[in-house]
Amino acid sequence: MTASFPIITTAPGKVIISGEHSAVYGKDVVASAVKNLRCYLLVEEITDLSNKENVHTKHDLELDFPDLKLKNLWNLERDFGSIINNEENKVSVDSFSAFNQHLSDDIEAYLRNNSTENKETHLSHLHHSASHVFLYLLLHIAPKIKNKRFILKSNVPVGAGLGSSAAVSVCLVQALLYCIDSKYLNDLKIINELSLLGEKCVHGTPSGIDNAVATYGKAIKLSTFVEDDQKVKVLKVIDSFPESLNILLINTKIPKSTKTLVANVRKLYDQDTHMVTNILEAMHKCTQGILSDFELIKTLESGNSDQIYRDTLNNLFNSIRINHGLLSSIGVSHPGLEKIKILSDELKIGGTKLTGAGGGGCAMTILDPSASDEIINDFKHSLISLYDYDVYKSQLGGTGAFLIKTSNINSEILQDFEKNAKINDKVVQLLDSIIP
């Protein structure tokens, strides 16, 4: 079968509902997809662009990431021939899902030696990471493809702990599998395993939950066990998950260092292991309680047990509030996050907690269905006007990796991808209407 172009692959961002930090100590962590925060990757033939601007005949591979002001033009043979032909970088059938450190190191060396950045900045770091992930997955999965242009647009905030890099990796993997007409194109297990390789390029030793959520959608529980003195991680898709619950994601835009926050919790743990162990165990109980409440809410959504539904929602909100308090007690909150929590409690709009590493970054509010639009809008307006936070309204769960075929891509969508700008809201709505 001859693959037709253009195509678009898409994958969601994620929000950690419970288990951040305690997961480092073997406790369960639960994360959910976010329905309207997604990454979109358009792939088209460069030969189709002969009459368009900025087309250079000497390149046969293009990566365009307008959100990051990143544009790379490469010639596969000229720029990467020696890397591709190195026997240590070739991927066998048996090692298709295994990380090739030698290949990653060679790409790192290429990018370092060919960098046009004059000094190290946050943006240059993002450029480097995005290029590394793209080149690694390309040379690992499809080292022979040519004449392709990859345009990446996203409404998942970068660097906010919402799984933007994992969503990018999943989009790239599915697109590359399509380009080579792979038998694994619709194999979510393989897509998940391959996207983890992209995450390793960025994060070193990622947990795997971000790319699992981006691949499978819905919600994922990650459990860690010790077996024969080895840590074993088990990912489980949560089927009994209520996707009717609305959420607000609030990005404080306050810079934070996950590495520093994790190290500080470790220091506290070493100073008073007994006390912190009890806190981590309480976090684990919150996670289990939240999962039980979700399951019951899902069951009750279509029933008539209004009082039981209301009581279960209250239990869920209490578990979320307690969870936030426990995270605050180990020093990973921030005054900017506490402002959100206090305002949420004052307006009684639902359950609010920090999400992710803390120290800034994002907070999450699962909205009470009984909260009025007026109160919710007051909450959003206050956070935006007083603190300049970004607020996103969405729903938990939704579809994971998805491929939009050529027949569903109209001229309006194509024209928007050609613009060197953020993806248009109307185009997002068009794309999301195709996604089940």
Protein backbone atom coordinates (compact mmCIF):
# COMPACT_ATOMS: atom_id res chain seq x y z
CA MET A 1 0.00 0.00 0.00
CA THR A 2 1.31 3.47 -0.92
CA ALA A 3 0.92 5.89 1.95
CA SER A 4 -0.98 9.07 1.12
CA PHE A 5 -0.08 12.49 2.49
CA PRO A 6 -0.67 14.79 4.26
CA ILE A 7 -1.64 13.12 7.52
CA ILE A 8 -1.91 14.40 11.08
CA THR A 9 -1.14 12.45 14.24
CA THR A 10 -2.33 13.72 17.58
CA ALA A 11 -1.90 12.84 21.26
CA PRO A 12 -3.07 14.43 24.54
CA GLY A 13 -1.27 16.06 27.41
CA LYS A 14 -1.69 14.71 30.91
CA VAL A 15 -2.41 15.77 34.46
CA ILE A 16 -1.27 13.86 37.55
CA ILE A 17 -4.30 13.38 39.74
CA SER A 18 -2.54 11.77 42.69
CA GLY A 19 0.77 10.19 43.59
CA GLU A 20 3.37 12.79 42.62
CA HIS A 21 6.51 12.46 44.78
CA SER A 22 5.18 9.39 46.63
CA ALA A 23 5.63 7.45 43.39
CA VAL A 24 9.41 7.84 43.83
CA TYR A 25 9.04 5.71 46.99
CA GLY A 26 7.02 2.91 45.39
CA LYS A 27 3.50 4.25 45.84
CA ASP A 28 0.83 4.26 43.12
CA VAL A 29 0.44 7.28 40.85
CA VAL A 30 -2.62 8.09 38.74
CA ALA A 31 -2.60 10.39 35.73
CA SER A 32 -5.31 11.31 33.25
CA ALA A 33 -5.38 12.55 29.69
CA VAL A 34 -6.70 16.08 29.20
CA LYS A 35 -9.29 16.19 26.43
CA ASN A 36 -8.60 19.53 24.78
CA LEU A 37 -4.88 19.92 25.40
CA ARG A 38 -3.28 18.05 22.53
CA CYS A 39 -0.25 17.97 20.26
CA TYR A 40 -0.82 17.85 16.48
CA LEU A 41 1.82 16.74 13.95
CA LEU A 42 1.25 17.26 10.23
CA VAL A 43 3.42 15.25 7.82
CA GLU A 44 3.50 16.13 4.15
CA GLU A 45 5.69 15.48 1.13
CA ILE A 46 8.31 18.13 0.46
CA THR A 47 7.71 17.53 -3.26
CA ASP A 48 4.22 18.91 -2.72
CA LEU A 49 5.71 22.23 -1.65
CA SER A 50 7.47 23.19 -4.89
CA ASN A 51 5.42 26.35 -5.31
CA LYS A 52 5.56 27.43 -1.68
CA GLU A 53 7.96 29.76 0.06
CA ASN A 54 11.05 28.71 2.04
CA VAL A 55 11.57 25.49 0.12
CA HIS A 56 15.23 24.58 -0.31
CA THR A 57 16.03 21.97 -2.94
CA LYS A 58 19.11 20.72 -1.08
CA HIS A 59 17.19 19.38 1.92
CA ASP A 60 14.97 16.31 2.06
CA LEU A 61 13.88 16.49 5.70
CA GLU A 62 12.26 19.36 7.57
CA LEU A 63 11.16 19.87 11.16
CA ASP A 64 9.06 22.94 11.86
CA PHE A 65 7.90 23.70 15.40
CA PRO A 66 6.42 27.25 15.24
CA ASP A 67 5.46 27.27 18.94
CA LEU A 68 9.16 27.16 19.82
CA LYS A 69 10.34 29.20 16.81
CA LEU A 70 12.26 26.11 15.70
CA LYS A 71 12.90 25.24 12.06
CA ASN A 72 15.47 22.65 10.93
CA LEU A 73 16.34 21.69 7.36
CA TRP A 74 18.45 18.58 6.86
CA ASN A 75 19.76 16.37 4.09
CA LEU A 76 19.49 12.81 5.36
CA GLU A 77 22.56 11.38 3.61
CA ARG A 78 24.80 14.43 3.99
CA ASP A 79 23.98 15.15 7.63
CA PHE A 80 23.30 11.69 9.05
CA GLY A 81 24.82 9.18 6.61
CA SER A 82 27.70 8.28 8.91
CA ILE A 83 25.35 7.86 11.89
CA ILE A 84 22.93 5.69 9.90
CA ASN A 85 25.69 3.49 8.47
CA ASN A 86 27.38 2.88 11.82
CA GLU A 87 26.66 -0.75 12.75
CA GLU A 88 26.25 0.17 16.43
CA ASN A 89 23.33 2.43 15.52
CA LYS A 90 21.37 -0.10 13.49
CA VAL A 91 18.20 -1.41 15.11
CA SER A 92 17.35 -5.08 14.76
CA VAL A 93 13.86 -6.56 14.90
CA ASP A 94 14.64 -7.98 18.33
CA SER A 95 15.71 -4.58 19.70
CA PHE A 96 13.05 -2.43 18.05
CA SER A 97 11.71 -1.19 21.39
CA ALA A 98 15.08 -0.97 23.15
CA PHE A 99 16.89 2.33 23.72
CA ASN A 100 20.12 2.66 21.73
CA GLN A 101 22.46 4.79 23.83
CA HIS A 102 25.11 4.87 21.11
CA LEU A 103 22.65 6.32 18.61
CA SER A 104 21.49 8.92 21.14
CA ASP A 105 25.11 9.90 21.88
CA ASP A 106 25.89 10.29 18.18
CA ILE A 107 22.85 12.54 17.70
CA GLU A 108 23.85 14.56 20.76
CA ALA A 109 27.34 15.04 19.31
CA TYR A 110 25.90 16.08 15.92
CA LEU A 111 23.59 18.67 17.48
CA ARG A 112 26.35 20.05 19.70
CA ASN A 113 28.80 20.35 16.80
CA ASN A 114 26.23 21.97 14.48
CA SER A 115 24.51 24.31 16.92
CA THR A 116 23.89 27.86 15.74
CA GLU A 117 22.91 29.02 19.23
CA ASN A 118 25.37 31.60 20.60
CA LYS A 119 24.57 30.97 24.24
CA GLU A 120 22.61 28.55 26.42
CA THR A 121 19.07 29.79 27.08
CA HIS A 122 15.80 28.15 28.05
CA LEU A 123 14.65 28.39 24.43
CA SER A 124 17.90 26.96 23.06
CA HIS A 125 17.55 24.06 25.50
CA LEU A 126 14.02 23.38 24.20
CA HIS A 127 15.31 23.54 20.61
CA HIS A 128 18.03 21.04 21.42
CA SER A 129 15.66 18.64 23.20
CA ALA A 130 13.02 18.78 20.45
CA SER A 131 15.62 18.17 17.73
CA HIS A 132 17.19 15.31 19.69
CA VAL A 133 13.87 13.53 20.21
CA PHE A 134 12.87 13.97 16.57
CA LEU A 135 16.19 12.74 15.17
CA TYR A 136 16.44 9.83 17.57
CA LEU A 137 12.96 8.51 16.77
CA LEU A 138 13.45 9.12 13.04
CA LEU A 139 16.79 7.28 12.86
CA HIS A 140 15.58 4.51 15.19
CA ILE A 141 12.27 3.84 13.43
CA ALA A 142 12.54 5.11 9.86
CA PRO A 143 16.14 5.99 8.89
CA LYS A 144 15.44 5.70 5.16
CA ILE A 145 12.49 8.04 4.72
CA LYS A 146 13.05 11.20 2.68
CA ASN A 147 11.23 14.21 1.32
CA LYS A 148 9.06 14.69 4.38
CA ARG A 149 8.13 17.82 6.21
CA PHE A 150 7.02 17.57 9.85
CA ILE A 151 5.07 20.54 11.26
CA LEU A 152 4.35 20.32 14.97
CA LYS A 153 1.76 22.47 16.72
CA SER A 154 0.45 22.08 20.23
CA ASN A 155 -1.77 23.68 22.83
CA VAL A 156 -0.13 21.71 25.66
CA PRO A 157 1.95 24.24 27.64
CA VAL A 158 5.66 23.43 27.40
CA GLY A 159 7.56 22.90 30.64
CA ALA A 160 4.46 23.00 32.83
CA GLY A 161 4.45 19.33 33.85
CA LEU A 162 1.53 18.52 31.56
CA GLY A 163 3.25 15.91 29.41
CA SER A 164 4.10 18.04 26.36
CA SER A 165 7.26 16.08 25.48
CA ALA A 166 5.46 12.75 25.76
CA ALA A 167 2.63 13.95 23.51
CA VAL A 168 5.24 15.02 20.94
CA SER A 169 6.99 11.63 21.14
CA VAL A 170 3.73 9.71 20.64
CA CYS A 171 2.80 11.88 17.63
CA LEU A 172 6.23 11.33 16.08
CA VAL A 173 6.17 7.57 16.64
CA GLN A 174 2.76 7.08 15.05
CA ALA A 175 3.67 9.34 12.11
CA LEU A 176 6.95 7.51 11.47
CA LEU A 177 5.25 4.12 11.64
CA TYR A 178 2.76 5.39 9.07
CA CYS A 179 5.57 6.64 6.81
CA ILE A 180 7.11 3.15 6.64
CA ASP A 181 3.75 1.36 6.42
CA SER A 182 4.58 -0.52 9.60
CA LYS A 183 2.49 -3.41 10.85
CA TYR A 184 2.71 -1.74 14.26
CA LEU A 185 0.84 1.41 13.17
CA ASN A 186 -2.20 0.60 15.33
CA ASP A 187 -0.35 -1.35 18.02
CA LEU A 188 -0.66 0.89 21.09
CA LYS A 189 1.73 -1.29 23.10
CA ILE A 190 4.52 -0.75 20.55
CA ILE A 191 3.67 2.96 20.17
CA ASN A 192 3.92 3.32 23.96
CA GLU A 193 7.26 1.48 24.10
CA LEU A 194 8.76 3.50 21.25
CA SER A 195 7.55 6.83 22.61
CA LEU A 196 9.28 6.00 25.89
CA LEU A 197 12.56 6.05 23.92
CA GLY A 198 11.87 9.66 22.97
CA GLU A 199 11.16 10.48 26.62
CA LYS A 200 14.50 8.92 27.60
CA CYS A 201 16.26 11.37 25.28
CA VAL A 202 14.78 14.24 27.31
CA HIS A 203 14.38 12.90 30.85
CA GLY A 204 16.96 10.12 31.20
CA THR A 205 14.91 7.73 33.36
CA PRO A 206 11.23 8.68 32.95
CA SER A 207 8.53 6.75 34.80
CA GLY A 208 6.67 6.00 31.57
CA ILE A 209 3.34 7.31 32.77
CA ASP A 210 3.37 10.46 30.58
CA ASN A 211 3.80 8.59 27.30
CA ALA A 212 1.35 5.89 28.45
CA VAL A 213 -1.36 8.52 28.99
CA ALA A 214 -0.54 10.14 25.62
CA THR A 215 -0.75 6.73 23.93
CA TYR A 216 -3.78 5.13 25.58
CA GLY A 217 -5.74 8.20 26.70
CA LYS A 218 -8.28 7.79 29.53
CA ALA A 219 -6.40 7.42 32.83
CA ILE A 220 -3.39 5.34 33.81
CA LYS A 221 -2.30 3.89 37.14
CA LEU A 222 1.41 3.20 37.58
CA SER A 223 2.33 0.73 40.32
CA THR A 224 5.86 -0.18 41.38
CA PHE A 225 6.82 -3.52 42.89
CA VAL A 226 10.09 -5.07 44.00
CA GLU A 227 10.68 -8.49 42.48
CA ASP A 228 13.99 -10.36 42.85
CA ASP A 229 15.59 -7.14 44.14
CA GLN A 230 14.51 -5.34 40.96
CA LYS A 231 11.95 -2.56 40.61
CA VAL A 232 9.07 -3.64 38.37
CA LYS A 233 6.67 -1.03 36.98
CA VAL A 234 3.15 -2.01 35.95
CA LEU A 235 0.95 0.35 33.92
CA LYS A 236 -2.80 -0.19 33.91
CA VAL A 237 -5.43 1.64 31.87
CA ILE A 238 -8.32 2.60 34.15
CA ASP A 239 -11.49 1.72 32.26
CA SER A 240 -13.92 2.67 35.04
CA PHE A 241 -13.01 6.34 34.78
CA PRO A 242 -15.60 9.16 34.81
CA GLU A 243 -14.90 11.34 31.77
CA SER A 244 -17.82 13.65 32.56
CA LEU A 245 -15.95 15.58 35.25
CA ASN A 246 -14.85 19.07 34.24
CA ILE A 247 -11.50 20.38 35.38
CA LEU A 248 -9.55 23.60 35.43
CA LEU A 249 -5.81 23.50 34.88
CA ILE A 250 -4.04 26.59 36.17
CA ASN A 251 -0.52 27.29 34.97
CA THR A 252 1.20 29.70 37.35
CA LYS A 253 4.13 30.03 34.93
CA ILE A 254 6.37 30.07 38.02
CA PRO A 255 9.67 28.33 37.12
CA LYS A 256 10.49 25.19 39.07
CA SER A 257 13.11 22.47 39.11
CA THR A 258 11.74 18.95 39.41
CA LYS A 259 15.23 17.65 40.16
CA THR A 260 15.67 20.07 43.08
CA LEU A 261 12.20 19.38 44.49
CA VAL A 262 12.71 15.60 44.38
CA ALA A 263 16.14 16.01 46.02
CA ASN A 264 14.66 18.16 48.80
CA VAL A 265 12.02 15.52 49.57
CA ARG A 266 14.78 12.89 49.67
CA LYS A 267 16.73 15.03 52.12
CA LEU A 268 13.65 15.34 54.35
CA TYR A 269 13.08 11.59 54.07
CA ASP A 270 16.66 10.87 55.15
CA GLN A 271 16.36 13.28 58.10
CA ASP A 272 13.14 11.75 59.47
CA THR A 273 12.35 8.55 57.61
CA HIS A 274 9.56 7.48 59.98
CA MET A 275 7.60 10.74 59.70
CA VAL A 276 7.95 11.08 55.92
CA THR A 277 7.11 7.40 55.40
CA ASN A 278 3.82 7.98 57.21
CA ILE A 279 3.10 11.01 55.00
CA LEU A 280 3.88 9.00 51.85
CA GLU A 281 1.61 6.20 53.05
CA ALA A 282 -1.17 8.73 53.65
CA MET A 283 -0.67 9.99 50.07
CA HIS A 284 -1.02 6.40 48.86
CA LYS A 285 -4.31 6.05 50.76
CA CYS A 286 -5.52 9.27 49.11
CA THR A 287 -4.72 7.75 45.72
CA GLN A 288 -6.63 4.58 46.54
CA GLY A 289 -9.56 6.61 47.83
CA ILE A 290 -9.64 8.75 44.69
CA LEU A 291 -9.62 5.65 42.49
CA SER A 292 -12.51 4.14 44.46
CA ASP A 293 -14.47 7.39 44.24
CA PHE A 294 -13.87 7.60 40.48
CA GLU A 295 -15.15 4.06 40.01
CA LEU A 296 -18.30 4.74 42.03
CA ILE A 297 -18.92 8.08 40.26
CA LYS A 298 -18.65 6.30 36.91
CA THR A 299 -21.22 3.74 38.07
CA LEU A 300 -23.58 6.38 39.45
CA GLU A 301 -23.42 8.77 36.47
CA SER A 302 -26.29 7.08 34.67
CA GLY A 303 -28.28 6.18 37.80
CA ASN A 304 -30.74 7.95 40.07
CA SER A 305 -28.82 7.78 43.35
CA ASP A 306 -28.37 11.57 43.68
CA GLN A 307 -27.42 11.56 47.36
CA ILE A 308 -24.86 8.77 47.00
CA TYR A 309 -23.40 10.60 43.97
CA ARG A 310 -23.18 13.83 45.98
CA ASP A 311 -21.56 12.07 48.95
CA THR A 312 -19.03 10.39 46.67
CA LEU A 313 -18.12 13.71 45.06
CA ASN A 314 -17.55 15.19 48.51
CA ASN A 315 -15.30 12.25 49.41
CA LEU A 316 -13.35 12.83 46.18
CA PHE A 317 -12.89 16.55 46.91
CA ASN A 318 -11.81 15.79 50.48
CA SER A 319 -9.19 13.30 49.26
CA ILE A 320 -7.86 15.88 46.79
CA ARG A 321 -7.65 18.57 49.48
CA ILE A 322 -5.89 16.22 51.91
CA ASN A 323 -3.52 15.16 49.15
CA HIS A 324 -2.55 18.78 48.54
CA GLY A 325 -2.00 19.32 52.25
CA LEU A 326 0.30 16.30 52.43
CA LEU A 327 2.30 17.56 49.45
CA SER A 328 2.55 20.97 51.09
CA SER A 329 3.82 19.34 54.30
CA ILE A 330 6.86 17.92 52.52
CA GLY A 331 7.75 21.33 51.08
CA VAL A 332 6.75 21.03 47.43
CA SER A 333 4.01 23.67 47.30
CA HIS A 334 4.57 27.38 46.61
CA PRO A 335 2.80 30.60 47.67
CA GLY A 336 1.61 30.96 44.06
CA LEU A 337 -0.08 27.55 44.29
CA GLU A 338 -1.54 28.26 47.72
CA LYS A 339 -3.32 31.35 46.33
CA ILE A 340 -5.20 29.05 43.94
CA LYS A 341 -6.02 26.57 46.68
CA ILE A 342 -7.31 29.26 49.08
CA LEU A 343 -9.50 30.94 46.44
CA SER A 344 -10.91 27.57 45.35
CA ASP A 345 -11.85 26.72 48.94
CA GLU A 346 -13.40 30.16 49.50
CA LEU A 347 -15.61 29.85 46.40
CA LYS A 348 -16.35 26.15 47.03
CA ILE A 349 -15.95 25.22 43.37
CA GLY A 350 -14.48 21.71 43.84
CA GLY A 351 -11.27 19.98 44.85
CA THR A 352 -7.94 21.73 44.18
CA LYS A 353 -4.36 20.53 44.50
CA LEU A 354 -0.98 21.11 42.96
CA THR A 355 -0.19 18.69 40.16
CA GLY A 356 3.23 17.48 39.12
CA ALA A 357 6.46 18.31 40.91
CA GLY A 358 5.13 21.48 42.57
CA GLY A 359 7.30 24.46 43.48
CA GLY A 360 5.36 26.46 40.88
CA GLY A 361 4.05 24.91 37.68
CA CYS A 362 0.39 23.89 37.70
CA ALA A 363 -2.58 23.30 39.94
CA MET A 364 -5.68 21.28 39.12
CA THR A 365 -9.29 21.81 40.18
CA ILE A 366 -11.87 19.08 39.64
CA LEU A 367 -15.03 21.16 39.41
CA ASP A 368 -18.12 20.50 41.46
CA PRO A 369 -21.00 19.96 38.97
CA SER A 370 -23.17 22.15 41.22
CA ALA A 371 -20.80 25.14 40.99
CA SER A 372 -22.38 27.88 38.90
CA ASP A 373 -20.77 29.23 35.73
CA GLU A 374 -20.73 32.67 37.37
CA ILE A 375 -18.62 31.48 40.32
CA ILE A 376 -16.28 29.48 38.06
CA ASN A 377 -15.80 32.52 35.81
CA ASP A 378 -15.08 34.68 38.88
CA PHE A 379 -12.43 32.16 39.93
CA LYS A 380 -10.83 32.17 36.47
CA HIS A 381 -10.98 35.95 36.11
CA SER A 382 -9.36 36.49 39.52
CA LEU A 383 -6.44 34.17 38.73
CA ILE A 384 -5.89 35.77 35.33
CA SER A 385 -6.30 39.42 36.33
CA LEU A 386 -4.57 39.31 39.73
CA TYR A 387 -1.72 36.89 39.03
CA ASP A 388 -1.48 36.58 35.22
CA TYR A 389 -2.01 32.81 35.41
CA ASP A 390 -3.16 30.79 32.41
CA VAL A 391 -6.40 28.87 33.02
CA TYR A 392 -7.64 26.00 30.84
CA LYS A 393 -11.05 24.39 31.15
CA SER A 394 -11.26 20.78 30.03
CA GLN A 395 -12.40 17.29 30.95
CA LEU A 396 -10.52 14.32 32.26
CA GLY A 397 -9.85 11.33 30.01
CA GLY A 398 -10.44 11.13 26.30
CA THR A 399 -8.71 9.58 23.29
CA GLY A 400 -4.99 8.83 23.20
CA ALA A 401 -2.92 8.47 20.04
CA PHE A 402 -4.96 9.05 16.90
CA LEU A 403 -4.19 9.36 13.18
CA ILE A 404 -6.19 11.75 10.99
CA LYS A 405 -6.15 10.57 7.39
CA THR A 406 -5.65 12.65 4.26
CA SER A 407 -9.36 12.60 3.37
CA ASN A 408 -10.21 14.44 6.62
CA ILE A 409 -7.68 17.25 6.18
CA ASN A 410 -9.15 20.25 4.39
CA SER A 411 -7.52 23.41 3.02
CA GLU A 412 -8.32 25.44 6.15
CA ILE A 413 -6.36 23.00 8.30
CA LEU A 414 -3.43 22.92 5.87
CA GLN A 415 -3.29 26.70 5.60
CA ASP A 416 -3.18 27.06 9.36
CA PHE A 417 -0.27 24.63 9.65
CA GLU A 418 1.60 26.64 7.00
CA LYS A 419 1.39 29.77 9.16
CA ASN A 420 4.32 30.43 11.46
CA ALA A 421 2.00 30.86 14.43
CA LYS A 422 0.16 29.03 17.19
CA ILE A 423 -2.56 26.66 16.06
CA ASN A 424 -5.88 28.46 15.51
CA ASP A 425 -8.70 27.67 17.98
CA LYS A 426 -11.12 27.04 15.13
CA VAL A 427 -8.72 24.54 13.56
CA VAL A 428 -8.35 22.81 16.93
CA GLN A 429 -12.14 22.44 17.05
CA LEU A 430 -12.15 21.03 13.49
CA LEU A 431 -9.44 18.50 14.35
CA ASP A 432 -10.98 17.54 17.69
CA SER A 433 -14.35 16.94 15.99
CA ILE A 434 -12.65 14.13 14.00
CA ILE A 435 -11.14 12.51 17.10
CA PRO A 436 -13.52 10.01 18.76
